[in-house]
Protein backbone atom coordinates (compact mmCIF):
# COMPACT_ATOMS: atom_id res chain seq x y z
CA MET A 1 -73.42 1.66 28.93
CA LEU A 2 -76.75 1.40 27.09
CA ASN A 3 -79.31 4.08 27.85
CA ASP A 4 -82.39 2.54 29.49
CA TYR A 5 -84.79 5.15 28.04
CA ILE A 6 -87.82 3.51 26.38
CA LYS A 7 -87.20 3.18 22.62
CA PRO A 8 -84.65 5.98 22.20
CA SER A 9 -83.76 6.95 18.64
CA ILE A 10 -80.04 7.16 19.45
CA LEU A 11 -77.81 6.03 22.30
CA TRP A 12 -74.72 7.57 23.89
CA THR A 13 -72.02 4.93 24.05
CA ASP A 14 -68.26 4.75 24.19
CA VAL A 15 -68.06 2.64 21.02
CA GLU A 16 -66.50 5.16 18.65
CA ASP A 17 -65.40 8.78 18.72
CA ARG A 18 -67.89 10.06 16.15
CA ILE A 19 -70.23 13.02 15.86
CA ASP A 20 -72.83 11.67 13.37
CA ALA A 21 -75.99 10.67 15.25
CA THR A 22 -76.97 7.95 12.76
CA PHE A 23 -73.96 5.90 13.80
CA TYR A 24 -75.50 5.58 17.28
CA ARG A 25 -78.96 4.52 16.13
CA THR A 26 -80.45 2.16 18.71
CA ASP A 27 -80.64 -0.87 16.42
CA PHE A 28 -76.98 -0.42 15.43
CA VAL A 29 -75.79 -0.29 19.02
CA VAL A 30 -77.94 -3.22 20.13
CA SER A 31 -77.54 -5.53 17.13
CA LEU A 32 -73.92 -4.72 16.29
CA ASP A 33 -71.85 -3.22 19.10
CA LYS A 34 -73.33 -5.29 21.89
CA ILE A 35 -73.00 -8.56 19.95
CA PHE A 36 -69.64 -7.93 18.28
CA LYS A 37 -68.06 -6.84 21.56
CA ASN A 38 -68.68 -10.30 23.00
CA LEU A 39 -67.50 -12.40 20.04
CA THR A 40 -64.82 -14.96 20.82
CA ILE A 41 -63.31 -14.69 17.32
CA PRO A 42 -61.28 -11.66 16.16
CA VAL A 43 -63.28 -8.69 14.84
CA LEU A 44 -61.20 -6.45 12.61
CA PRO A 45 -61.85 -3.31 10.60
CA ASN A 46 -61.98 -3.98 6.87
CA ARG A 47 -58.83 -1.87 6.29
CA GLN A 48 -56.71 -4.48 8.08
CA LEU A 49 -57.90 -7.18 5.66
CA ILE A 50 -57.75 -5.25 2.38
CA HIS A 51 -54.78 -5.46 0.03
CA GLU A 52 -56.26 -3.14 -2.61
CA LEU A 53 -59.40 -0.97 -2.74
CA THR A 54 -60.19 0.89 -5.94
CA ASP A 55 -62.99 2.02 -8.22
CA TYR A 56 -63.71 3.47 -11.66
CA THR A 57 -62.79 7.04 -10.73
CA ALA A 58 -59.30 5.94 -9.64
CA ASN A 59 -58.39 5.81 -13.35
CA GLY A 60 -58.30 9.58 -13.70
CA SER A 61 -60.19 12.87 -13.44
CA PHE A 62 -63.75 13.17 -14.72
CA GLU A 63 -62.41 15.13 -17.67
CA SER A 64 -59.88 12.39 -18.46
CA LEU A 65 -62.53 9.67 -18.15
CA LYS A 66 -64.90 11.57 -20.43
CA LYS A 67 -62.16 11.95 -23.02
CA ASN A 68 -60.85 8.36 -22.97
CA VAL A 69 -63.84 6.10 -22.26
CA ARG A 70 -65.57 4.92 -25.44
CA TYR A 71 -68.53 2.56 -25.56
CA THR A 72 -69.21 0.02 -28.28
CA ASN A 73 -71.45 -2.93 -29.12
CA GLU A 74 -71.41 -6.50 -27.83
CA THR A 75 -68.13 -7.22 -29.63
CA GLY A 76 -66.41 -5.05 -27.01
CA ILE A 77 -65.32 -5.75 -23.45
CA PRO A 78 -68.04 -5.87 -20.75
CA MET A 79 -68.22 -3.02 -18.23
CA ILE A 80 -69.82 -4.15 -14.99
CA ARG A 81 -72.20 -1.65 -13.37
CA GLY A 82 -74.11 -1.74 -10.10
CA LYS A 83 -77.28 -2.94 -11.83
CA ASN A 84 -75.38 -6.08 -12.95
CA LEU A 85 -74.97 -7.22 -9.33
CA LYS A 86 -78.22 -8.80 -8.18
CA ASN A 87 -78.82 -11.11 -5.25
CA GLY A 88 -75.20 -12.11 -5.05
CA VAL A 89 -74.81 -13.12 -8.70
CA LEU A 90 -73.72 -11.46 -11.94
CA ASP A 91 -76.64 -10.44 -14.16
CA LYS A 92 -75.51 -10.14 -17.78
CA THR A 93 -78.86 -9.07 -19.24
CA ASP A 94 -78.03 -5.35 -19.52
CA LEU A 95 -74.27 -4.96 -19.94
CA ASN A 96 -72.39 -2.00 -21.35
CA TYR A 97 -69.32 -2.63 -23.53
CA VAL A 98 -66.15 -0.62 -24.06
CA THR A 99 -63.42 -0.62 -26.69
CA ASP A 100 -60.03 -2.32 -26.29
CA ASP A 101 -58.34 1.08 -25.94
CA THR A 102 -60.76 2.02 -23.15
CA TYR A 103 -60.08 -1.28 -21.38
CA ARG A 104 -56.35 -0.57 -21.43
CA PHE A 105 -56.95 2.98 -20.18
CA LEU A 106 -59.06 1.71 -17.25
CA LYS A 107 -56.22 -0.48 -15.97
CA LYS A 108 -56.98 0.23 -12.29
CA SER A 109 -60.43 -1.26 -12.62
CA GLU A 110 -59.49 -4.37 -14.60
CA LEU A 111 -61.24 -7.35 -13.04
CA ASN A 112 -59.45 -10.54 -12.01
CA ALA A 113 -60.56 -13.78 -10.40
CA GLY A 114 -60.96 -13.37 -6.65
CA ASP A 115 -61.84 -9.65 -6.70
CA LEU A 116 -64.83 -8.77 -4.53
CA LEU A 117 -67.22 -6.30 -6.18
CA PHE A 118 -69.30 -4.14 -3.82
CA THR A 119 -72.02 -1.67 -4.85
CA LYS A 120 -71.27 1.64 -3.13
CA THR A 121 -74.11 3.88 -4.33
CA GLY A 122 -77.88 3.45 -4.57
CA THR A 123 -78.60 -0.15 -3.62
CA LEU A 124 -75.69 -0.59 -1.21
CA GLY A 125 -73.79 -3.72 -0.36
CA ASN A 126 -74.61 -6.03 -3.26
CA THR A 127 -71.53 -8.20 -3.74
CA ILE A 128 -70.13 -10.85 -6.03
CA VAL A 129 -66.72 -12.47 -6.27
CA TRP A 130 -65.32 -12.17 -9.78
CA SER A 131 -64.73 -15.62 -11.24
CA GLU A 132 -62.45 -16.91 -13.97
CA TYR A 133 -65.67 -18.05 -15.67
CA PHE A 134 -66.73 -14.46 -16.25
CA GLY A 135 -63.77 -13.64 -18.47
CA LYS A 136 -62.28 -10.28 -19.35
CA ALA A 137 -64.12 -7.21 -18.03
CA THR A 138 -63.70 -3.78 -16.49
CA LEU A 139 -65.42 -1.98 -13.64
CA GLY A 140 -68.09 0.68 -14.13
CA ASP A 141 -68.98 3.49 -11.76
CA ASN A 142 -70.58 3.05 -8.31
CA ILE A 143 -68.76 -0.20 -7.46
CA PHE A 144 -65.71 -0.89 -5.34
CA LYS A 145 -63.19 -3.51 -6.44
CA VAL A 146 -61.61 -5.13 -3.39
CA ARG A 147 -58.61 -7.43 -3.37
CA TYR A 148 -58.18 -9.06 0.05
CA LYS A 149 -54.91 -10.15 1.63
CA ASN A 150 -53.70 -13.73 1.73
CA GLY A 151 -55.45 -15.59 4.52
CA ILE A 152 -58.79 -13.88 3.85
CA ASN A 153 -61.26 -15.83 1.70
CA PRO A 154 -63.24 -13.36 -0.49
CA TYR A 155 -66.12 -15.83 -0.75
CA TYR A 156 -66.41 -15.78 3.04
CA ILE A 157 -66.49 -11.97 2.96
CA HIS A 158 -69.19 -12.16 0.28
CA ALA A 159 -71.26 -14.45 2.53
CA TYR A 160 -70.75 -12.06 5.47
CA PHE A 161 -72.08 -9.06 3.51
CA SER A 162 -75.18 -11.10 2.59
CA THR A 163 -76.18 -11.35 6.28
CA ASP A 164 -78.21 -8.80 8.22
CA TYR A 165 -75.12 -8.12 10.34
CA GLY A 166 -73.00 -7.29 7.32
CA TYR A 167 -75.71 -5.12 5.78
CA LYS A 168 -76.26 -3.21 9.03
CA TRP A 169 -72.57 -2.28 9.13
CA VAL A 170 -72.88 -1.03 5.55
CA GLU A 171 -76.03 0.90 6.41
CA ARG A 172 -74.38 2.36 9.51
CA PHE A 173 -71.54 3.90 7.52
CA ALA A 174 -73.70 5.07 4.60
CA GLN A 175 -74.19 8.75 3.80
CA GLY A 176 -77.08 10.50 2.07
CA GLY A 177 -80.80 9.81 1.89
CA VAL A 178 -82.41 9.34 -1.53
CA GLN A 179 -79.16 8.07 -3.10
CA PRO A 180 -77.14 6.63 -0.22
CA THR A 181 -73.45 6.04 -0.73
CA ILE A 182 -70.48 4.72 1.22
CA ILE A 183 -67.05 6.28 0.73
CA LYS A 184 -63.76 4.39 0.72
CA GLU A 185 -62.72 5.53 4.18
CA SER A 186 -66.01 4.37 5.69
CA PHE A 187 -65.85 1.06 3.81
CA ARG A 188 -62.45 0.44 5.37
CA GLU A 189 -63.94 0.84 8.87
CA ILE A 190 -66.66 -1.81 8.53
CA LYS A 191 -66.15 -4.45 11.23
CA ILE A 192 -65.70 -8.03 10.04
CA PRO A 193 -65.47 -11.20 12.18
CA VAL A 194 -62.38 -13.13 11.05
CA PRO A 195 -62.43 -16.81 12.05
CA ASP A 196 -59.67 -19.31 11.36
CA ILE A 197 -59.01 -19.84 7.64
CA THR A 198 -60.43 -23.39 7.84
CA ILE A 199 -63.80 -21.94 8.85
CA GLN A 200 -63.56 -19.21 6.21
CA ASP A 201 -62.85 -21.83 3.56
CA TYR A 202 -65.66 -24.10 4.77
CA ILE A 203 -68.15 -21.27 4.36
CA GLY A 204 -66.54 -19.72 1.30
CA ASN A 205 -66.37 -23.04 -0.55
CA LYS A 206 -70.16 -23.32 -0.36
CA VAL A 207 -70.45 -19.97 -2.13
CA LYS A 208 -67.86 -21.02 -4.70
CA ARG A 209 -69.59 -24.34 -5.34
CA ALA A 210 -72.87 -22.44 -5.79
CA GLU A 211 -71.12 -20.29 -8.38
CA ASN A 212 -69.81 -23.40 -10.18
CA LEU A 213 -73.33 -24.84 -10.31
CA ARG A 214 -74.65 -21.62 -11.83
CA GLU A 215 -71.89 -21.69 -14.45
CA GLU A 216 -72.72 -25.30 -15.34
CA ALA A 217 -76.36 -24.23 -15.63
CA ARG A 218 -75.39 -21.36 -17.93
CA ILE A 219 -73.40 -23.67 -20.21
CA LEU A 220 -76.22 -26.22 -20.38
CA ASN A 221 -78.76 -23.50 -21.12
CA GLU A 222 -76.56 -22.12 -23.91
CA GLU A 223 -76.09 -25.59 -25.40
CA CYS A 224 -79.87 -26.05 -25.45
CA ARG A 225 -80.30 -22.67 -27.13
CA ASN A 226 -77.74 -23.57 -29.82
CA GLU A 227 -79.25 -27.02 -30.39
CA PHE A 228 -82.76 -25.58 -30.73
CA ASN A 229 -81.64 -22.79 -33.09
CA LYS A 230 -79.74 -25.24 -35.27
CA VAL A 231 -82.72 -27.57 -35.62
CA LEU A 232 -85.23 -24.80 -36.19
CA ASP A 233 -82.93 -22.98 -38.65
CA LEU A 234 -84.83 -19.67 -38.61
CA LYS A 235 -82.34 -17.27 -40.19
CA ILE A 236 -84.02 -14.05 -39.08
CA ASP A 237 -83.17 -11.26 -36.68
CA LEU A 238 -86.38 -10.20 -35.00
CA LYS A 239 -84.64 -7.51 -32.95
CA LYS A 240 -84.24 -5.36 -36.05
CA HIS A 241 -86.97 -2.80 -36.66
CA ALA A 242 -86.73 -3.03 -40.45
CA PHE A 243 -88.00 -6.29 -41.90
CA LEU A 244 -89.78 -7.63 -44.96
CA VAL A 245 -93.40 -8.69 -44.91
CA GLU A 246 -94.26 -10.49 -48.13
CA MET A 247 -97.44 -12.43 -48.76
CA ASP A 248 -99.55 -13.26 -51.79
CA ASP A 249 -101.76 -10.21 -51.40
CA TYR A 250 -99.50 -7.73 -49.57
CA LYS A 251 -95.87 -6.66 -49.73
CA THR A 252 -94.07 -3.94 -47.83
CA ILE A 253 -90.66 -3.07 -46.49
CA SER A 254 -91.17 -0.77 -43.53
CA SER A 255 -89.36 0.19 -40.38
CA ASN A 256 -92.47 0.78 -38.32
CA PRO A 257 -95.83 -0.14 -39.87
CA SER A 258 -98.64 -0.24 -37.32
CA ILE A 259 -100.63 -3.21 -38.63
CA ILE A 260 -100.76 -5.43 -41.71
CA TYR A 261 -104.01 -5.60 -43.63
CA THR A 262 -104.35 -8.97 -45.31
CA THR A 263 -107.01 -11.31 -46.62
CA LYS A 264 -105.10 -14.27 -45.17
CA ASN A 265 -107.06 -16.09 -42.54
CA TYR A 266 -105.53 -15.64 -39.08
CA GLU A 267 -108.64 -17.14 -37.51
CA MET A 268 -110.58 -13.99 -38.39
CA LYS A 269 -109.48 -12.06 -35.30
CA ILE A 270 -110.83 -8.51 -35.17
CA ALA A 271 -108.39 -6.91 -32.71
CA PRO A 272 -105.58 -5.06 -34.54
CA GLN A 273 -102.81 -6.38 -32.28
CA TYR A 274 -103.21 -9.79 -33.96
CA TYR A 275 -101.87 -8.22 -37.17
CA HIS A 276 -98.80 -6.41 -35.89
CA PRO A 277 -96.18 -6.72 -38.70
CA ARG A 278 -93.54 -8.51 -36.65
CA ARG A 279 -96.07 -11.08 -35.45
CA VAL A 280 -97.43 -11.65 -38.96
CA PHE A 281 -93.90 -11.90 -40.31
CA LEU A 282 -92.87 -14.52 -37.75
CA LEU A 283 -96.03 -16.57 -38.29
CA GLU A 284 -95.28 -16.59 -42.01
CA GLN A 285 -91.75 -17.83 -41.32
CA LEU A 286 -93.06 -20.61 -39.10
CA LYS A 287 -95.07 -21.98 -42.01
CA LYS A 288 -91.78 -22.63 -43.80
CA ILE A 289 -90.05 -24.76 -41.16
CA ASN A 290 -89.81 -28.52 -41.56
CA PHE A 291 -91.68 -29.37 -38.36
CA ASN A 292 -95.21 -29.26 -37.14
CA THR A 293 -96.27 -26.66 -34.62
CA LYS A 294 -98.88 -26.84 -31.90
CA LYS A 295 -100.58 -24.08 -30.00
CA LEU A 296 -99.77 -23.74 -26.32
CA SER A 297 -103.45 -24.43 -25.65
CA GLU A 298 -103.09 -27.84 -27.39
CA LEU A 299 -100.25 -28.90 -25.09
CA THR A 300 -101.55 -27.45 -21.82
CA ASN A 301 -104.63 -26.36 -19.95
CA ARG A 302 -104.84 -22.78 -18.74
CA ILE A 303 -105.91 -22.92 -15.11
CA SER A 304 -107.84 -20.30 -13.19
CA SER A 305 -107.18 -20.95 -9.50
CA LYS A 306 -107.53 -17.64 -7.72
CA SER A 307 -106.77 -17.73 -4.03
CA SER A 308 -107.07 -15.29 -1.15
CA VAL A 309 -104.79 -17.35 1.11
CA ASN A 310 -101.94 -15.06 2.15
CA SER A 311 -99.83 -17.46 4.22
CA LEU A 312 -98.03 -19.18 1.33
CA PRO A 313 -94.69 -18.01 -0.10
CA TYR A 314 -95.29 -15.52 -2.91
CA VAL A 315 -93.93 -15.23 -6.45
CA GLY A 316 -94.19 -11.93 -8.32
CA PRO A 317 -92.58 -10.95 -11.65
CA ASP A 318 -89.50 -9.68 -9.78
CA CYS A 319 -89.01 -13.07 -8.11
CA ILE A 320 -87.99 -14.71 -11.40
CA ASP A 321 -84.42 -14.80 -12.66
CA ASN A 322 -84.19 -13.18 -16.12
CA THR A 323 -81.45 -15.51 -17.34
CA PHE A 324 -82.89 -18.91 -16.49
CA GLY A 325 -86.49 -18.40 -15.35
CA TYR A 326 -85.62 -19.71 -11.89
CA LEU A 327 -88.04 -18.61 -9.18
CA THR A 328 -87.25 -17.45 -5.65
CA PRO A 329 -90.42 -17.03 -3.56
CA VAL A 330 -90.58 -14.36 -0.87
CA PRO A 331 -92.63 -14.19 2.35
CA ALA A 332 -96.24 -13.35 1.65
CA ASN A 333 -97.54 -9.85 2.29
CA ILE A 334 -100.34 -9.70 -0.26
CA LYS A 335 -103.66 -7.90 0.05
CA THR A 336 -105.21 -9.00 -3.27
CA ASN A 337 -106.19 -12.32 -4.83
CA THR A 338 -103.37 -14.48 -6.14
CA VAL A 339 -102.88 -17.63 -8.19
CA LYS A 340 -102.47 -20.82 -6.14
CA THR A 341 -100.09 -23.15 -7.96
CA GLN A 342 -99.20 -26.82 -8.08
CA LYS A 343 -95.79 -28.34 -8.64
CA ASP A 344 -94.84 -28.30 -12.36
CA ASP A 345 -97.26 -25.52 -13.26
CA ILE A 346 -95.87 -23.03 -15.77
CA LEU A 347 -96.39 -19.36 -14.89
CA PHE A 348 -96.41 -16.90 -17.79
CA CYS A 349 -96.33 -13.19 -16.93
CA ARG A 350 -98.40 -11.28 -19.47
CA LEU A 351 -97.50 -7.82 -18.18
CA ARG A 352 -95.02 -5.90 -20.30
CA PRO A 353 -92.06 -5.38 -19.70
CA ASN A 354 -92.02 -8.71 -17.79
CA LEU A 355 -92.99 -11.03 -20.65
CA ASN A 356 -89.74 -12.96 -20.27
CA ASN A 357 -90.60 -13.73 -16.65
CA ILE A 358 -91.76 -17.28 -17.24
CA THR A 359 -91.09 -20.01 -14.72
CA ILE A 360 -91.85 -23.56 -13.63
CA CYS A 361 -93.09 -24.12 -10.10
CA ASP A 362 -90.57 -26.66 -8.86
CA MET A 363 -91.99 -26.70 -5.36
CA GLU A 364 -95.36 -27.22 -3.71
CA ASN A 365 -97.56 -24.67 -2.00
CA ILE A 366 -96.74 -21.25 -3.40
CA GLN A 367 -98.94 -18.42 -4.56
CA ALA A 368 -98.24 -16.16 -7.53
CA SER A 369 -99.25 -12.71 -8.70
CA ALA A 370 -102.50 -12.56 -10.65
CA GLU A 371 -100.44 -11.06 -13.49
CA PHE A 372 -99.37 -14.64 -14.29
CA LEU A 373 -101.28 -16.96 -16.56
CA GLN A 374 -101.11 -20.48 -15.14
CA TYR A 375 -100.63 -23.46 -17.47
CA ARG A 376 -100.69 -27.16 -16.60
CA ILE A 377 -99.20 -29.60 -19.12
CA ASN A 378 -101.38 -32.28 -20.71
CA LYS A 379 -100.58 -35.87 -19.77
CA ASP A 380 -99.96 -36.88 -23.38
CA PHE A 381 -97.10 -34.36 -23.79
CA LYS A 382 -94.10 -35.50 -21.77
CA TYR A 383 -91.61 -32.67 -22.29
CA LEU A 384 -92.49 -30.10 -19.65
CA TYR A 385 -89.01 -28.56 -19.48
CA TYR A 386 -88.71 -28.37 -23.26
CA LEU A 387 -91.99 -26.44 -23.32
CA PHE A 388 -90.76 -24.11 -20.58
CA PHE A 389 -87.52 -23.55 -22.52
CA VAL A 390 -89.34 -22.73 -25.77
CA LEU A 391 -91.69 -20.31 -24.02
CA ARG A 392 -88.67 -18.32 -22.84
CA HIS A 393 -87.01 -18.30 -26.27
CA PRO A 394 -87.07 -15.05 -28.32
CA PHE A 395 -88.72 -17.01 -31.10
CA THR A 396 -91.76 -17.35 -28.82
CA LEU A 397 -91.70 -13.95 -27.18
CA TYR A 398 -91.69 -12.15 -30.53
CA GLN A 399 -95.00 -13.82 -31.32
CA ILE A 400 -96.59 -11.64 -28.63
CA VAL A 401 -94.21 -8.85 -27.53
CA ASP A 402 -95.73 -6.22 -29.83
CA THR A 403 -99.31 -7.03 -28.92
CA ALA A 404 -99.42 -5.75 -25.32
CA ILE A 405 -102.03 -3.01 -24.99
CA GLY A 406 -103.48 -0.79 -22.27
CA ASP A 407 -102.23 1.76 -19.73
CA ARG A 408 -100.31 -1.08 -18.09
CA PRO A 409 -99.62 -3.07 -21.26
CA ARG A 410 -100.75 -6.66 -21.06
CA VAL A 411 -100.93 -9.40 -23.65
CA ASP A 412 -104.37 -10.83 -24.29
CA GLU A 413 -104.59 -14.30 -22.77
CA GLU A 414 -105.93 -15.75 -26.03
CA LEU A 415 -102.77 -14.56 -27.79
CA VAL A 416 -100.69 -16.44 -25.23
CA ASP A 417 -102.87 -19.53 -25.74
CA ASP A 418 -102.17 -19.26 -29.48
CA ILE A 419 -98.36 -19.23 -29.17
CA LEU A 420 -96.97 -21.78 -31.62
CA ILE A 421 -94.59 -24.39 -30.23
CA PRO A 422 -92.36 -26.31 -32.70
CA ILE A 423 -92.62 -30.07 -32.33
CA ILE A 424 -89.07 -30.93 -33.32
CA PRO A 425 -87.57 -34.46 -33.40
CA ASP A 426 -88.36 -36.43 -30.27
CA GLU A 427 -84.71 -37.11 -29.49
CA THR A 428 -83.89 -33.39 -29.51
CA MET A 429 -86.89 -32.49 -27.37
CA ALA A 430 -85.89 -35.20 -24.88
CA ASN A 431 -82.30 -33.93 -24.68
CA ILE A 432 -83.35 -30.31 -24.16
CA ASN A 433 -85.93 -31.43 -21.61
CA LYS A 434 -83.27 -33.36 -19.63
CA ASN A 435 -80.74 -30.52 -19.70
CA ILE A 436 -83.17 -27.76 -18.75
CA LYS A 437 -84.37 -29.87 -15.84
CA LYS A 438 -80.71 -30.15 -14.79
CA VAL A 439 -80.34 -26.37 -15.13
CA LEU A 440 -83.14 -25.75 -12.65
CA PHE A 441 -81.83 -28.46 -10.31
CA ASN A 442 -78.41 -26.78 -10.30
CA LEU A 443 -79.94 -23.40 -9.58
CA ARG A 444 -82.02 -24.74 -6.69
CA LEU A 445 -78.94 -26.42 -5.18
CA SER A 446 -76.87 -23.27 -5.79
CA ASN A 447 -79.44 -21.20 -3.93
CA GLN A 448 -79.48 -23.72 -1.07
CA LEU A 449 -75.69 -23.57 -0.69
CA THR A 450 -75.71 -19.78 -0.74
CA LEU A 451 -78.32 -19.71 2.05
CA GLU A 452 -76.33 -22.27 4.05
CA ALA A 453 -73.22 -20.09 3.81
CA LYS A 454 -75.19 -17.08 4.98
CA ARG A 455 -76.61 -19.01 7.94
CA ASP A 456 -73.15 -20.32 8.82
CA VAL A 457 -71.86 -16.76 9.15
CA GLU A 458 -74.87 -15.80 11.25
CA SER A 459 -74.30 -18.85 13.49
CA LEU A 460 -70.66 -17.89 13.82
CA ILE A 461 -71.61 -14.39 15.03
CA GLU A 462 -74.36 -15.67 17.31
CA GLY A 463 -72.05 -18.21 18.94
CA ASN A 464 -73.71 -21.44 17.84
CA PHE A 465 -71.62 -22.46 14.83
CA ASP A 466 -70.96 -26.20 14.89
CA GLU A 467 -67.27 -26.71 14.04
CA SER A 468 -67.74 -30.49 13.91
CA LYS A 469 -69.33 -29.96 10.49
CA ILE A 470 -65.91 -28.92 9.16
CA ILE A 471 -64.35 -32.17 10.42
CA GLU A 472 -67.13 -34.16 8.73
CA VAL A 473 -66.42 -32.48 5.40
CA GLU A 474 -62.67 -33.00 5.71
């Protein structure tokens, strides 16, 4: 029986025989127990659905792990950590790698298609389903690997954990404050609505199709990268600290020179950041390619459209996918001026370390952080998506990455205007333009399907799921 005291912090109920007060927090009792008690579909504890639950530490004692786990470079086998699970997808931008011997030692955390990964410490409840696309990998610390029984669709479970209901169950069983965690025994007790397998598959297949679209986008993006690199044929590794700067009046091999002094005319800029060695080096290499280059300012107009309207969806640096530059606006809650965008505007974040956070506005009526420079393509240049692709390429970023200055390092807007864009053969630009446009289309559709799956689970719990939709699909 719910306590009728006005806004109590906890409630006495007969839901579970537990002594921890957090479990009986008012919002948990009202939004979980009261609703789940009245569901017409079975609600089962996770332990009844799980075939196998394991993690990194199941491979041995801390001493044994310390002795046998060896890290290596990108030629090794990926180790998936909690930070690689973001917004329901696998983020490969900051992977660790282990040796073959380590992979064999960590046999209990070997990843296979269909395994659900669940972050158990820190940012709780981020999930992905491991796909055959992802290849060979092993599990890092702070993640559960869950293999569900036959008759349970892991993509449906993934969609469930993306809902507020799923997250509240996770939060309810969490322990700790600053670094919350959920232990195996608590994870097994999370309540999960289990509809008929046809409904699970209907919802889960949306998530799986979204994953397939992202994989197609990844392949297309990689093909564009390879095509561009082959045409440009710049045989340099700008990630290395040691490089050669050689010009008519200056020559040095240095691992960390601060600036290059030269009589060459780089438009007679006074600020020292214009002459950072890596920038000078790259500009010298660009003079040797077989194609013309144009400044960003020759292909676009930089727009200044500050806005104080706070009702539009908002895009900050963290709203942009690092892999593809795909944007996901969030509800506005902004107290400062922003940039009001138009469809097809390019947003270029000039705040380090977010220089790679470049995106195209593929929707109307959004506002963006004032940390973005806003560019609108000229009518006489028809390859918007090629330009967006090149701006995200390391070749471009290394023209400016070392020039950010200040307490919160920013790149001077004139330096961004001066970025050189290769004007490669028209046929190649057209092909890259077409494929990158397809990449962003796939990602938008993938995001739509993921949201639909989430809403389907919520409708199922709230009693208004329309089963006729399943018949229509069949």
